[in-house]
Amino acid sequence: MSVRQSLLAILDRGACYGSQLRAEYERRTGARVNVGQVYTTLERLERDGLVEGAGVDDEARVLWRPTAAGRDAAREWLSTASLAEGRDEVALKIALAVTLPGADVDGILSVQRRAVQHALASTAGEEGDAVSLAIVHAARRARLEADLRWLDEVERIVADVSPFGLSEERPRRGRPARSAV
């Protein structure tokens, strides 16, 4: 989840200072964020014209509010689908291991399965005190259950795969050797 967009969405509810934004983010998502990241993000949002200073509160803390462009960006983000895309480090690690001679693919899959099962067991009884936390916990459980099904599928896929050596085909470009000085 984008911390940047989340902070904008929270600010759309009203002006906040940095530590208040951090607390609101954690309260609403159950995810932790470093307060330094919040302040760095606010500075970038200001640079990009999405937030602006809104004065100070009665304890001299700087308040932030979204600009019109910031409100539009937050609302657009909330109304746009978010798909889990990009690099999947676990899938890449397993795909690589399958091709490497001597790699213990069964061991790698076993370690991954135990980690997922442990994480799933630790979600038992996770209940949030707010509907937003219940949603986050339900999503985590569903993803972990999907991970177990995916590991079953990976075991079927790799059952008859053989590792292989380096390709004899060489790319045309490469970094030249440094000359000895």
N, C-alpha and C. Protein backbone atom coordinates (compact mmCIF):
# COMPACT_ATOMS: atom_id res chain seq x y z
N MET A 1 0.85 -1.17 0.00
CA MET A 1 0.00 0.00 0.00
C MET A 1 0.90 1.23 0.00
N SER A 2 0.47 2.21 -0.71
CA SER A 2 1.22 3.45 -0.81
C SER A 2 1.03 4.31 0.43
N VAL A 3 2.11 4.49 1.18
CA VAL A 3 2.05 5.38 2.35
C VAL A 3 1.71 6.79 1.88
N ARG A 4 2.32 7.19 0.79
CA ARG A 4 2.11 8.53 0.23
C ARG A 4 0.62 8.78 -0.01
N GLN A 5 -0.01 7.87 -0.73
CA GLN A 5 -1.43 8.06 -1.06
C GLN A 5 -2.30 7.93 0.19
N SER A 6 -1.91 7.05 1.09
CA SER A 6 -2.67 6.87 2.33
C SER A 6 -2.66 8.15 3.16
N LEU A 7 -1.50 8.78 3.26
CA LEU A 7 -1.42 10.04 4.02
C LEU A 7 -2.28 11.12 3.38
N LEU A 8 -2.26 11.18 2.07
CA LEU A 8 -3.13 12.15 1.38
C LEU A 8 -4.60 11.88 1.70
N ALA A 9 -4.99 10.61 1.67
CA ALA A 9 -6.39 10.26 1.95
C ALA A 9 -6.78 10.63 3.38
N ILE A 10 -5.87 10.44 4.32
CA ILE A 10 -6.15 10.81 5.71
C ILE A 10 -6.26 12.32 5.83
N LEU A 11 -5.35 13.04 5.18
CA LEU A 11 -5.38 14.51 5.23
C LEU A 11 -6.65 15.07 4.60
N ASP A 12 -7.24 14.33 3.69
CA ASP A 12 -8.49 14.77 3.08
C ASP A 12 -9.61 14.88 4.11
N ARG A 13 -9.45 14.23 5.26
CA ARG A 13 -10.44 14.29 6.35
C ARG A 13 -10.23 15.52 7.23
N GLY A 14 -9.01 16.09 7.19
CA GLY A 14 -8.73 17.26 8.01
C GLY A 14 -7.24 17.45 8.21
N ALA A 15 -6.85 18.66 8.54
CA ALA A 15 -5.44 18.98 8.74
C ALA A 15 -4.86 18.17 9.91
N CYS A 16 -3.62 17.70 9.74
CA CYS A 16 -2.94 16.90 10.77
C CYS A 16 -1.48 17.30 10.83
N TYR A 17 -0.84 17.03 11.96
CA TYR A 17 0.61 17.16 12.06
C TYR A 17 1.21 15.77 11.85
N GLY A 18 2.52 15.71 11.65
CA GLY A 18 3.18 14.47 11.26
C GLY A 18 2.94 13.28 12.16
N SER A 19 3.14 13.44 13.45
CA SER A 19 2.95 12.31 14.37
C SER A 19 1.49 11.89 14.43
N GLN A 20 0.60 12.84 14.26
CA GLN A 20 -0.83 12.53 14.23
C GLN A 20 -1.14 11.68 12.98
N LEU A 21 -0.54 12.04 11.85
CA LEU A 21 -0.73 11.26 10.62
C LEU A 21 -0.24 9.83 10.80
N ARG A 22 0.93 9.69 11.43
CA ARG A 22 1.48 8.37 11.69
C ARG A 22 0.51 7.54 12.53
N ALA A 23 0.00 8.13 13.59
CA ALA A 23 -0.93 7.42 14.47
C ALA A 23 -2.22 7.05 13.72
N GLU A 24 -2.72 7.96 12.91
CA GLU A 24 -3.94 7.69 12.14
C GLU A 24 -3.71 6.56 11.14
N TYR A 25 -2.56 6.58 10.48
CA TYR A 25 -2.23 5.53 9.51
C TYR A 25 -2.21 4.17 10.21
N GLU A 26 -1.53 4.09 11.35
CA GLU A 26 -1.44 2.83 12.08
C GLU A 26 -2.79 2.40 12.62
N ARG A 27 -3.57 3.35 13.12
CA ARG A 27 -4.89 3.03 13.66
C ARG A 27 -5.83 2.50 12.58
N ARG A 28 -5.71 3.06 11.40
CA ARG A 28 -6.63 2.70 10.33
C ARG A 28 -6.21 1.47 9.54
N THR A 29 -4.91 1.15 9.52
CA THR A 29 -4.44 0.04 8.71
C THR A 29 -3.83 -1.10 9.51
N GLY A 30 -3.41 -0.83 10.74
CA GLY A 30 -2.72 -1.84 11.52
C GLY A 30 -1.27 -2.01 11.09
N ALA A 31 -0.84 -1.25 10.10
CA ALA A 31 0.54 -1.31 9.61
C ALA A 31 1.36 -0.22 10.27
N ARG A 32 2.62 -0.54 10.53
CA ARG A 32 3.50 0.45 11.17
C ARG A 32 4.21 1.26 10.11
N VAL A 33 4.48 2.51 10.44
CA VAL A 33 5.24 3.38 9.56
C VAL A 33 6.14 4.23 10.45
N ASN A 34 7.36 4.43 10.01
CA ASN A 34 8.33 5.22 10.74
C ASN A 34 7.94 6.69 10.65
N VAL A 35 7.99 7.42 11.76
CA VAL A 35 7.60 8.83 11.75
C VAL A 35 8.50 9.63 10.82
N GLY A 36 9.77 9.23 10.69
CA GLY A 36 10.67 9.90 9.75
C GLY A 36 10.18 9.76 8.31
N GLN A 37 9.63 8.58 7.98
CA GLN A 37 9.06 8.38 6.65
C GLN A 37 7.86 9.29 6.43
N VAL A 38 7.08 9.50 7.47
CA VAL A 38 5.92 10.38 7.35
C VAL A 38 6.38 11.79 7.01
N TYR A 39 7.36 12.30 7.76
CA TYR A 39 7.82 13.66 7.52
C TYR A 39 8.51 13.81 6.16
N THR A 40 9.28 12.81 5.76
CA THR A 40 9.91 12.84 4.43
C THR A 40 8.84 12.83 3.35
N THR A 41 7.82 12.01 3.54
CA THR A 41 6.73 11.95 2.56
C THR A 41 5.99 13.28 2.49
N LEU A 42 5.76 13.89 3.64
CA LEU A 42 5.10 15.20 3.64
C LEU A 42 5.92 16.24 2.87
N GLU A 43 7.22 16.21 3.05
CA GLU A 43 8.08 17.15 2.32
C GLU A 43 7.99 16.93 0.82
N ARG A 44 7.96 15.68 0.41
CA ARG A 44 7.84 15.38 -1.02
C ARG A 44 6.46 15.76 -1.56
N LEU A 45 5.44 15.50 -0.76
CA LEU A 45 4.10 15.89 -1.18
C LEU A 45 4.00 17.41 -1.34
N GLU A 46 4.67 18.14 -0.44
CA GLU A 46 4.67 19.60 -0.55
C GLU A 46 5.43 20.02 -1.81
N ARG A 47 6.57 19.42 -2.03
CA ARG A 47 7.36 19.71 -3.23
C ARG A 47 6.54 19.48 -4.50
N ASP A 48 5.72 18.43 -4.48
CA ASP A 48 4.92 18.07 -5.65
C ASP A 48 3.60 18.84 -5.73
N GLY A 49 3.37 19.75 -4.77
CA GLY A 49 2.17 20.57 -4.80
C GLY A 49 0.90 19.86 -4.37
N LEU A 50 1.04 18.78 -3.59
CA LEU A 50 -0.13 18.01 -3.16
C LEU A 50 -0.56 18.30 -1.73
N VAL A 51 0.34 18.86 -0.91
CA VAL A 51 -0.02 19.32 0.43
C VAL A 51 0.60 20.70 0.66
N GLU A 52 0.08 21.35 1.66
CA GLU A 52 0.62 22.67 2.04
C GLU A 52 0.49 22.82 3.54
N GLY A 53 1.28 23.74 4.07
CA GLY A 53 1.18 24.03 5.48
C GLY A 53 -0.18 24.64 5.80
N ALA A 54 -0.70 24.29 6.97
CA ALA A 54 -2.00 24.81 7.40
C ALA A 54 -1.86 25.50 8.75
N GLY A 55 -0.70 26.11 8.98
CA GLY A 55 -0.47 26.77 10.26
C GLY A 55 0.07 25.82 11.29
N VAL A 56 -0.13 26.19 12.54
CA VAL A 56 0.32 25.36 13.65
C VAL A 56 -0.84 25.18 14.63
N ASP A 57 -0.78 24.11 15.39
CA ASP A 57 -1.82 23.90 16.39
C ASP A 57 -1.43 24.65 17.67
N ASP A 58 -2.21 24.47 18.72
CA ASP A 58 -1.97 25.20 19.96
C ASP A 58 -0.70 24.77 20.69
N GLU A 59 -0.07 23.68 20.22
CA GLU A 59 1.21 23.25 20.79
C GLU A 59 2.36 23.49 19.82
N ALA A 60 2.14 24.36 18.85
CA ALA A 60 3.14 24.78 17.87
C ALA A 60 3.60 23.65 16.94
N ARG A 61 2.74 22.67 16.70
CA ARG A 61 3.06 21.60 15.75
C ARG A 61 2.54 22.02 14.38
N VAL A 62 3.38 21.81 13.36
CA VAL A 62 3.02 22.20 12.00
C VAL A 62 1.90 21.29 11.48
N LEU A 63 0.85 21.92 11.01
CA LEU A 63 -0.28 21.19 10.44
C LEU A 63 -0.15 21.16 8.92
N TRP A 64 -0.63 20.08 8.34
CA TRP A 64 -0.61 19.90 6.89
C TRP A 64 -2.03 19.66 6.40
N ARG A 65 -2.30 20.13 5.19
CA ARG A 65 -3.59 19.86 4.55
C ARG A 65 -3.34 19.62 3.07
N PRO A 66 -4.24 18.91 2.42
CA PRO A 66 -4.04 18.66 0.99
C PRO A 66 -4.42 19.90 0.18
N THR A 67 -3.75 20.07 -0.94
CA THR A 67 -4.18 21.08 -1.90
C THR A 67 -5.32 20.46 -2.71
N ALA A 68 -5.91 21.22 -3.59
CA ALA A 68 -6.96 20.66 -4.45
C ALA A 68 -6.41 19.49 -5.27
N ALA A 69 -5.19 19.64 -5.77
CA ALA A 69 -4.56 18.55 -6.53
C ALA A 69 -4.33 17.33 -5.62
N GLY A 70 -3.97 17.55 -4.36
CA GLY A 70 -3.78 16.46 -3.42
C GLY A 70 -5.07 15.73 -3.13
N ARG A 71 -6.15 16.48 -2.96
CA ARG A 71 -7.46 15.84 -2.73
C ARG A 71 -7.86 14.99 -3.94
N ASP A 72 -7.65 15.55 -5.13
CA ASP A 72 -7.97 14.80 -6.35
C ASP A 72 -7.12 13.52 -6.44
N ALA A 73 -5.84 13.62 -6.13
CA ALA A 73 -4.95 12.46 -6.20
C ALA A 73 -5.38 11.39 -5.21
N ALA A 74 -5.75 11.79 -3.99
CA ALA A 74 -6.18 10.83 -2.97
C ALA A 74 -7.47 10.14 -3.40
N ARG A 75 -8.41 10.90 -3.90
CA ARG A 75 -9.70 10.32 -4.31
C ARG A 75 -9.55 9.42 -5.53
N GLU A 76 -8.66 9.81 -6.44
CA GLU A 76 -8.41 8.96 -7.61
C GLU A 76 -7.77 7.65 -7.17
N TRP A 77 -6.81 7.71 -6.25
CA TRP A 77 -6.15 6.50 -5.76
C TRP A 77 -7.15 5.57 -5.10
N LEU A 78 -8.03 6.13 -4.28
CA LEU A 78 -9.02 5.30 -3.58
C LEU A 78 -10.00 4.65 -4.56
N SER A 79 -10.25 5.27 -5.69
CA SER A 79 -11.24 4.74 -6.62
C SER A 79 -10.62 3.87 -7.73
N THR A 80 -9.31 3.65 -7.66
CA THR A 80 -8.62 2.86 -8.68
C THR A 80 -8.25 1.50 -8.11
N ALA A 81 -8.42 0.46 -8.93
CA ALA A 81 -8.08 -0.89 -8.49
C ALA A 81 -6.58 -1.00 -8.22
N SER A 82 -6.21 -1.80 -7.24
CA SER A 82 -4.80 -2.05 -6.91
C SER A 82 -4.55 -3.54 -7.03
N LEU A 83 -3.69 -3.91 -7.97
CA LEU A 83 -3.34 -5.31 -8.15
C LEU A 83 -1.93 -5.55 -7.64
N ALA A 84 -1.72 -6.70 -7.04
CA ALA A 84 -0.38 -7.06 -6.56
C ALA A 84 0.45 -7.43 -7.78
N GLU A 85 1.28 -6.51 -8.20
CA GLU A 85 2.13 -6.74 -9.35
C GLU A 85 3.56 -6.43 -8.98
N GLY A 86 4.43 -6.66 -9.89
CA GLY A 86 5.83 -6.35 -9.64
C GLY A 86 6.59 -7.60 -9.28
N ARG A 87 7.76 -7.40 -8.73
CA ARG A 87 8.64 -8.50 -8.40
C ARG A 87 8.10 -9.29 -7.22
N ASP A 88 8.02 -10.57 -7.40
CA ASP A 88 7.63 -11.47 -6.32
C ASP A 88 8.90 -12.20 -5.92
N GLU A 89 9.53 -11.74 -4.86
CA GLU A 89 10.84 -12.26 -4.46
C GLU A 89 10.81 -13.77 -4.19
N VAL A 90 9.74 -14.28 -3.60
CA VAL A 90 9.67 -15.71 -3.29
C VAL A 90 9.60 -16.51 -4.58
N ALA A 91 8.75 -16.07 -5.51
CA ALA A 91 8.63 -16.79 -6.79
C ALA A 91 9.95 -16.75 -7.56
N LEU A 92 10.61 -15.59 -7.56
CA LEU A 92 11.89 -15.49 -8.26
C LEU A 92 12.95 -16.37 -7.62
N LYS A 93 12.98 -16.42 -6.29
CA LYS A 93 13.97 -17.26 -5.60
C LYS A 93 13.75 -18.73 -5.94
N ILE A 94 12.50 -19.18 -5.93
CA ILE A 94 12.21 -20.58 -6.23
C ILE A 94 12.50 -20.88 -7.70
N ALA A 95 12.11 -19.97 -8.60
CA ALA A 95 12.37 -20.17 -10.03
C ALA A 95 13.87 -20.29 -10.29
N LEU A 96 14.66 -19.49 -9.63
CA LEU A 96 16.12 -19.55 -9.78
C LEU A 96 16.66 -20.85 -9.19
N ALA A 97 16.23 -21.20 -8.01
CA ALA A 97 16.73 -22.40 -7.33
C ALA A 97 16.48 -23.66 -8.15
N VAL A 98 15.34 -23.72 -8.82
CA VAL A 98 14.99 -24.90 -9.62
C VAL A 98 16.02 -25.11 -10.73
N THR A 99 16.61 -24.03 -11.22
CA THR A 99 17.54 -24.14 -12.34
C THR A 99 18.98 -24.35 -11.91
N LEU A 100 19.28 -24.22 -10.62
CA LEU A 100 20.66 -24.30 -10.14
C LEU A 100 21.00 -25.71 -9.68
N PRO A 101 22.04 -26.30 -10.26
CA PRO A 101 22.47 -27.62 -9.80
C PRO A 101 22.84 -27.55 -8.32
N GLY A 102 22.41 -28.53 -7.57
CA GLY A 102 22.76 -28.61 -6.15
C GLY A 102 21.83 -27.85 -5.22
N ALA A 103 20.92 -27.05 -5.77
CA ALA A 103 20.00 -26.31 -4.91
C ALA A 103 18.97 -27.27 -4.31
N ASP A 104 18.70 -27.12 -3.05
CA ASP A 104 17.75 -27.97 -2.34
C ASP A 104 16.35 -27.37 -2.48
N VAL A 105 15.73 -27.59 -3.63
CA VAL A 105 14.43 -27.00 -3.91
C VAL A 105 13.38 -27.51 -2.91
N ASP A 106 13.42 -28.81 -2.60
CA ASP A 106 12.47 -29.34 -1.63
C ASP A 106 12.64 -28.65 -0.28
N GLY A 107 13.88 -28.43 0.12
CA GLY A 107 14.15 -27.75 1.38
C GLY A 107 13.66 -26.30 1.35
N ILE A 108 13.89 -25.62 0.23
CA ILE A 108 13.43 -24.23 0.09
C ILE A 108 11.91 -24.16 0.18
N LEU A 109 11.24 -25.07 -0.51
CA LEU A 109 9.77 -25.09 -0.47
C LEU A 109 9.27 -25.43 0.93
N SER A 110 9.96 -26.35 1.60
CA SER A 110 9.57 -26.75 2.95
C SER A 110 9.71 -25.58 3.93
N VAL A 111 10.82 -24.86 3.84
CA VAL A 111 11.04 -23.71 4.71
C VAL A 111 9.97 -22.65 4.47
N GLN A 112 9.67 -22.42 3.20
CA GLN A 112 8.66 -21.42 2.85
C GLN A 112 7.29 -21.85 3.38
N ARG A 113 6.95 -23.13 3.19
CA ARG A 113 5.66 -23.63 3.65
C ARG A 113 5.53 -23.49 5.18
N ARG A 114 6.59 -23.87 5.91
CA ARG A 114 6.54 -23.74 7.37
C ARG A 114 6.36 -22.28 7.79
N ALA A 115 7.05 -21.36 7.10
CA ALA A 115 6.92 -19.94 7.44
C ALA A 115 5.50 -19.45 7.19
N VAL A 116 4.91 -19.87 6.09
CA VAL A 116 3.53 -19.46 5.78
C VAL A 116 2.57 -20.08 6.79
N GLN A 117 2.76 -21.36 7.12
CA GLN A 117 1.88 -22.01 8.11
C GLN A 117 2.00 -21.35 9.47
N HIS A 118 3.21 -20.98 9.86
CA HIS A 118 3.41 -20.29 11.14
C HIS A 118 2.71 -18.94 11.13
N ALA A 119 2.88 -18.20 10.05
CA ALA A 119 2.22 -16.89 9.95
C ALA A 119 0.71 -17.04 9.96
N LEU A 120 0.20 -18.07 9.29
CA LEU A 120 -1.24 -18.31 9.27
C LEU A 120 -1.74 -18.68 10.66
N ALA A 121 -1.00 -19.52 11.37
CA ALA A 121 -1.40 -19.89 12.73
C ALA A 121 -1.41 -18.67 13.65
N SER A 122 -0.48 -17.75 13.42
CA SER A 122 -0.43 -16.56 14.28
C SER A 122 -1.58 -15.60 14.00
N THR A 123 -2.27 -15.80 12.88
CA THR A 123 -3.42 -14.93 12.60
C THR A 123 -4.69 -15.43 13.26
N ALA A 124 -4.65 -16.67 13.78
CA ALA A 124 -5.83 -17.21 14.44
C ALA A 124 -6.21 -16.32 15.61
N GLY A 125 -7.42 -15.92 15.63
CA GLY A 125 -7.89 -15.06 16.71
C GLY A 125 -7.55 -13.59 16.52
N GLU A 126 -6.93 -13.24 15.39
CA GLU A 126 -6.67 -11.82 15.14
C GLU A 126 -8.00 -11.13 14.93
N GLU A 127 -8.28 -10.25 15.78
CA GLU A 127 -9.49 -9.47 15.67
C GLU A 127 -9.12 -8.02 15.85
N GLY A 128 -9.60 -7.20 15.01
CA GLY A 128 -9.33 -5.78 15.15
C GLY A 128 -10.42 -5.11 15.97
N ASP A 129 -10.09 -3.99 16.58
CA ASP A 129 -11.10 -3.26 17.32
C ASP A 129 -11.86 -2.32 16.39
N ALA A 130 -11.48 -2.32 15.14
CA ALA A 130 -12.17 -1.49 14.16
C ALA A 130 -12.35 -2.33 12.90
N VAL A 131 -13.34 -1.97 12.13
CA VAL A 131 -13.61 -2.71 10.91
C VAL A 131 -12.42 -2.66 9.97
N SER A 132 -11.67 -1.57 9.96
CA SER A 132 -10.51 -1.49 9.07
C SER A 132 -9.47 -2.53 9.43
N LEU A 133 -9.24 -2.78 10.71
CA LEU A 133 -8.28 -3.81 11.12
C LEU A 133 -8.81 -5.20 10.79
N ALA A 134 -10.09 -5.42 10.94
CA ALA A 134 -10.67 -6.71 10.59
C ALA A 134 -10.48 -6.99 9.10
N ILE A 135 -10.61 -5.96 8.28
CA ILE A 135 -10.41 -6.11 6.84
C ILE A 135 -8.96 -6.47 6.54
N VAL A 136 -8.02 -5.77 7.17
CA VAL A 136 -6.60 -6.03 6.97
C VAL A 136 -6.24 -7.44 7.40
N HIS A 137 -6.75 -7.88 8.55
CA HIS A 137 -6.46 -9.23 9.04
C HIS A 137 -7.06 -10.29 8.13
N ALA A 138 -8.27 -10.07 7.65
CA ALA A 138 -8.91 -11.03 6.74
C ALA A 138 -8.12 -11.14 5.44
N ALA A 139 -7.63 -10.02 4.93
CA ALA A 139 -6.83 -10.04 3.70
C ALA A 139 -5.53 -10.82 3.92
N ARG A 140 -4.91 -10.62 5.07
CA ARG A 140 -3.65 -11.33 5.36
C ARG A 140 -3.88 -12.83 5.42
N ARG A 141 -4.95 -13.24 6.11
CA ARG A 141 -5.25 -14.67 6.19
C ARG A 141 -5.52 -15.25 4.79
N ALA A 142 -6.29 -14.54 3.99
CA ALA A 142 -6.61 -15.03 2.64
C ALA A 142 -5.36 -15.16 1.79
N ARG A 143 -4.45 -14.20 1.89
CA ARG A 143 -3.20 -14.26 1.12
C ARG A 143 -2.32 -15.41 1.58
N LEU A 144 -2.26 -15.64 2.87
CA LEU A 144 -1.46 -16.76 3.38
C LEU A 144 -2.04 -18.10 2.93
N GLU A 145 -3.35 -18.22 2.96
CA GLU A 145 -3.99 -19.45 2.47
C GLU A 145 -3.72 -19.63 0.98
N ALA A 146 -3.74 -18.54 0.22
CA ALA A 146 -3.42 -18.61 -1.21
C ALA A 146 -1.96 -19.00 -1.41
N ASP A 147 -1.08 -18.51 -0.55
CA ASP A 147 0.34 -18.88 -0.64
C ASP A 147 0.53 -20.38 -0.46
N LEU A 148 -0.21 -20.99 0.46
CA LEU A 148 -0.11 -22.44 0.65
C LEU A 148 -0.59 -23.18 -0.61
N ARG A 149 -1.67 -22.73 -1.21
CA ARG A 149 -2.15 -23.36 -2.44
C ARG A 149 -1.12 -23.19 -3.56
N TRP A 150 -0.50 -22.00 -3.62
CA TRP A 150 0.52 -21.73 -4.63
C TRP A 150 1.72 -22.66 -4.43
N LEU A 151 2.15 -22.87 -3.20
CA LEU A 151 3.27 -23.77 -2.94
C LEU A 151 2.95 -25.20 -3.38
N ASP A 152 1.69 -25.64 -3.19
CA ASP A 152 1.28 -26.95 -3.70
C ASP A 152 1.46 -27.00 -5.21
N GLU A 153 1.05 -25.95 -5.90
CA GLU A 153 1.16 -25.89 -7.36
C GLU A 153 2.63 -25.88 -7.78
N VAL A 154 3.48 -25.13 -7.08
CA VAL A 154 4.91 -25.08 -7.40
C VAL A 154 5.51 -26.47 -7.26
N GLU A 155 5.15 -27.20 -6.22
CA GLU A 155 5.68 -28.56 -6.05
C GLU A 155 5.32 -29.44 -7.24
N ARG A 156 4.11 -29.29 -7.76
CA ARG A 156 3.71 -30.07 -8.94
C ARG A 156 4.52 -29.64 -10.17
N ILE A 157 4.72 -28.34 -10.33
CA ILE A 157 5.43 -27.80 -11.50
C ILE A 157 6.89 -28.26 -11.52
N VAL A 158 7.56 -28.22 -10.37
CA VAL A 158 9.00 -28.49 -10.34
C VAL A 158 9.33 -29.97 -10.20
N ALA A 159 8.34 -30.81 -10.07
CA ALA A 159 8.59 -32.24 -9.83
C ALA A 159 9.50 -32.85 -10.89
N ASP A 160 9.37 -32.48 -12.14
CA ASP A 160 10.15 -33.09 -13.22
C ASP A 160 11.12 -32.12 -13.88
N VAL A 161 11.47 -31.04 -13.21
CA VAL A 161 12.37 -30.05 -13.78
C VAL A 161 13.81 -30.40 -13.40
N SER A 162 14.69 -30.26 -14.37
CA SER A 162 16.11 -30.52 -14.12
C SER A 162 16.89 -29.21 -14.12
N PRO A 163 17.85 -29.08 -13.22
CA PRO A 163 18.69 -27.88 -13.23
C PRO A 163 19.52 -27.83 -14.50
N PHE A 164 20.05 -26.68 -14.82
CA PHE A 164 20.89 -26.57 -16.01
C PHE A 164 22.02 -25.58 -15.77
N GLY A 165 23.07 -25.74 -16.59
CA GLY A 165 24.26 -24.90 -16.47
C GLY A 165 24.08 -23.57 -17.18
N LEU A 166 25.19 -22.85 -17.27
CA LEU A 166 25.17 -21.56 -17.95
C LEU A 166 25.00 -21.77 -19.45
N SER A 167 24.35 -20.83 -20.09
CA SER A 167 24.13 -20.89 -21.53
C SER A 167 25.45 -20.70 -22.26
N GLU A 168 25.59 -21.37 -23.38
CA GLU A 168 26.77 -21.18 -24.23
C GLU A 168 26.63 -19.90 -25.05
N GLU A 169 25.42 -19.42 -25.19
CA GLU A 169 25.19 -18.18 -25.94
C GLU A 169 25.61 -17.00 -25.08
N ARG A 170 26.43 -16.14 -25.62
CA ARG A 170 26.94 -15.00 -24.88
C ARG A 170 26.32 -13.72 -25.40
N PRO A 171 25.86 -12.85 -24.51
CA PRO A 171 25.34 -11.55 -24.95
C PRO A 171 26.43 -10.78 -25.69
N ARG A 172 26.03 -9.95 -26.65
CA ARG A 172 27.01 -9.22 -27.46
C ARG A 172 27.69 -8.13 -26.66
N ARG A 173 27.05 -7.60 -25.67
CA ARG A 173 27.65 -6.51 -24.89
C ARG A 173 28.04 -7.01 -23.51
N GLY A 174 28.97 -6.34 -22.94
CA GLY A 174 29.39 -6.64 -21.59
C GLY A 174 30.38 -5.58 -21.13
N ARG A 175 30.63 -5.52 -19.88
CA ARG A 175 31.59 -4.55 -19.36
C ARG A 175 32.99 -5.06 -19.67
N PRO A 176 33.81 -4.22 -20.29
CA PRO A 176 35.18 -4.66 -20.58
C PRO A 176 35.98 -4.80 -19.30
N ALA A 177 36.98 -5.68 -19.35
CA ALA A 177 37.85 -5.89 -18.19
C ALA A 177 38.63 -4.61 -17.91
N ARG A 178 38.83 -4.31 -16.65
CA ARG A 178 39.65 -3.16 -16.28
C ARG A 178 41.10 -3.52 -16.48
N SER A 179 41.82 -2.58 -17.03
CA SER A 179 43.24 -2.85 -17.24
C SER A 179 43.97 -2.74 -15.91
N ALA A 180 44.98 -3.56 -15.75
CA ALA A 180 45.77 -3.54 -14.51
C ALA A 180 46.59 -2.26 -14.48
N VAL A 181 46.53 -1.56 -13.37
CA VAL A 181 47.26 -0.30 -13.25
C VAL A 181 48.50 -0.48 -12.42
